[in-house]
Amino acid sequence: MDVKAERRRALAAVAEWLRCPACAGALALSERSLACPSGHSFDVARQGYVTLTTGRPGPGTGDSAAMVAGFSLAMAWSVESWQMT
C-alpha cells in the first residue's frame, strides 16, 4: 500500500471521532476535505493531514489580568524569599 492511501485510511479511521471546531458537528470525510452538516469544511493537505483551526483564538487563550497579577505576586514573593537567604 502506498503512503498516500495509508494516510487516507488512517484519517478515515479517526474521522468519526473528530468534531467541527466551529459548531461541534460530526465531520465526514470526502475526497479532499472533512466537512460537517452545517457546511464548515477543512481541506485535507497533500501530506494527508487536516488542520481543524478556525482562525479565531478560543476562550481562555492568553493570560488574563488575574493570571498576570498572580504570577507577579508569586515572583515578588520568590525574589523576596531569595533575598532573605
Protein backbone atom coordinates (compact mmCIF):
# COMPACT_ATOMS: atom_id res chain seq x y z
CA MET A 1 0.00 0.00 0.00
CA ASP A 2 1.36 3.43 -0.86
CA VAL A 3 1.85 6.14 1.74
CA LYS A 4 -0.96 8.33 0.43
CA ALA A 5 -3.50 5.51 0.65
CA GLU A 6 -2.27 4.57 4.11
CA ARG A 7 -2.68 8.15 5.36
CA ARG A 8 -6.16 8.34 3.84
CA ARG A 9 -7.13 5.09 5.56
CA ALA A 10 -5.81 6.42 8.89
CA LEU A 11 -7.77 9.67 8.53
CA ALA A 12 -10.92 7.73 7.64
CA ALA A 13 -10.46 5.60 10.75
CA VAL A 14 -10.44 8.62 13.09
CA ALA A 15 -12.87 10.90 11.23
CA GLU A 16 -15.85 9.64 13.24
CA TRP A 17 -14.15 10.80 16.45
CA LEU A 18 -13.48 14.33 15.20
CA ARG A 19 -15.83 17.27 15.69
CA CYS A 20 -16.12 20.57 13.87
CA PRO A 21 -14.35 23.28 15.88
CA ALA A 22 -16.89 25.88 14.73
CA CYS A 23 -20.16 24.11 15.64
CA ALA A 24 -19.18 20.76 17.24
CA GLY A 25 -20.97 18.85 14.48
CA ALA A 26 -19.75 15.46 13.29
CA LEU A 27 -17.20 15.55 10.49
CA ALA A 28 -17.44 13.36 7.40
CA LEU A 29 -14.52 12.62 5.10
CA SER A 30 -14.99 13.33 1.41
CA GLU A 31 -12.41 13.10 -1.37
CA ARG A 32 -10.46 16.23 -0.34
CA SER A 33 -11.93 17.53 2.89
CA LEU A 34 -13.64 16.93 6.21
CA ALA A 35 -16.99 18.68 6.45
CA CYS A 36 -19.83 19.00 8.95
CA PRO A 37 -23.58 19.14 8.16
CA SER A 38 -23.54 22.92 8.78
CA GLY A 39 -21.19 23.39 5.83
CA HIS A 40 -17.91 24.05 7.64
CA SER A 41 -15.15 22.40 5.62
CA PHE A 42 -11.48 21.63 6.29
CA ASP A 43 -9.17 20.68 3.44
CA VAL A 44 -7.03 17.56 3.53
CA ALA A 45 -3.43 18.55 2.76
CA ARG A 46 -1.44 16.63 0.14
CA GLN A 47 0.55 15.13 3.01
CA GLY A 48 -2.68 13.67 4.43
CA TYR A 49 -3.30 15.86 7.50
CA VAL A 50 -6.17 18.22 8.27
CA THR A 51 -5.86 21.42 10.27
CA LEU A 52 -9.01 21.94 12.32
CA THR A 53 -8.47 25.58 13.19
CA THR A 54 -10.96 28.35 12.62
CA GLY A 55 -8.53 31.24 12.63
CA ARG A 56 -10.02 32.62 15.84
CA PRO A 57 -8.49 32.06 19.26
CA GLY A 58 -10.71 30.12 21.62
CA PRO A 59 -11.75 31.26 25.06
CA GLY A 60 -9.04 31.14 27.65
CA THR A 61 -6.14 31.57 25.28
CA GLY A 62 -3.63 34.03 26.64
CA ASP A 63 -3.13 35.42 30.10
CA SER A 64 -5.97 37.11 31.94
CA ALA A 65 -5.36 40.05 34.26
CA ALA A 66 -5.82 37.73 37.27
CA MET A 67 -3.21 35.29 35.92
CA VAL A 68 -0.68 38.09 35.40
CA ALA A 69 -1.36 39.52 38.88
CA GLY A 70 -0.93 36.08 40.46
CA PHE A 71 2.31 35.48 38.60
CA SER A 72 3.65 38.88 39.58
CA LEU A 73 2.76 38.24 43.22
CA ALA A 74 4.44 34.81 43.12
CA MET A 75 7.58 36.27 41.54
CA ALA A 76 7.74 39.08 44.11
CA TRP A 77 7.40 36.54 46.93
CA SER A 78 10.08 34.34 45.35
CA VAL A 79 12.55 37.22 44.97
CA GLU A 80 11.84 38.42 48.49
CA SER A 81 12.40 34.90 49.88
CA TRP A 82 15.63 34.55 47.91
CA GLN A 83 16.94 37.88 49.18
CA MET A 84 16.35 36.81 52.80
CA THR A 85 18.63 33.79 52.49
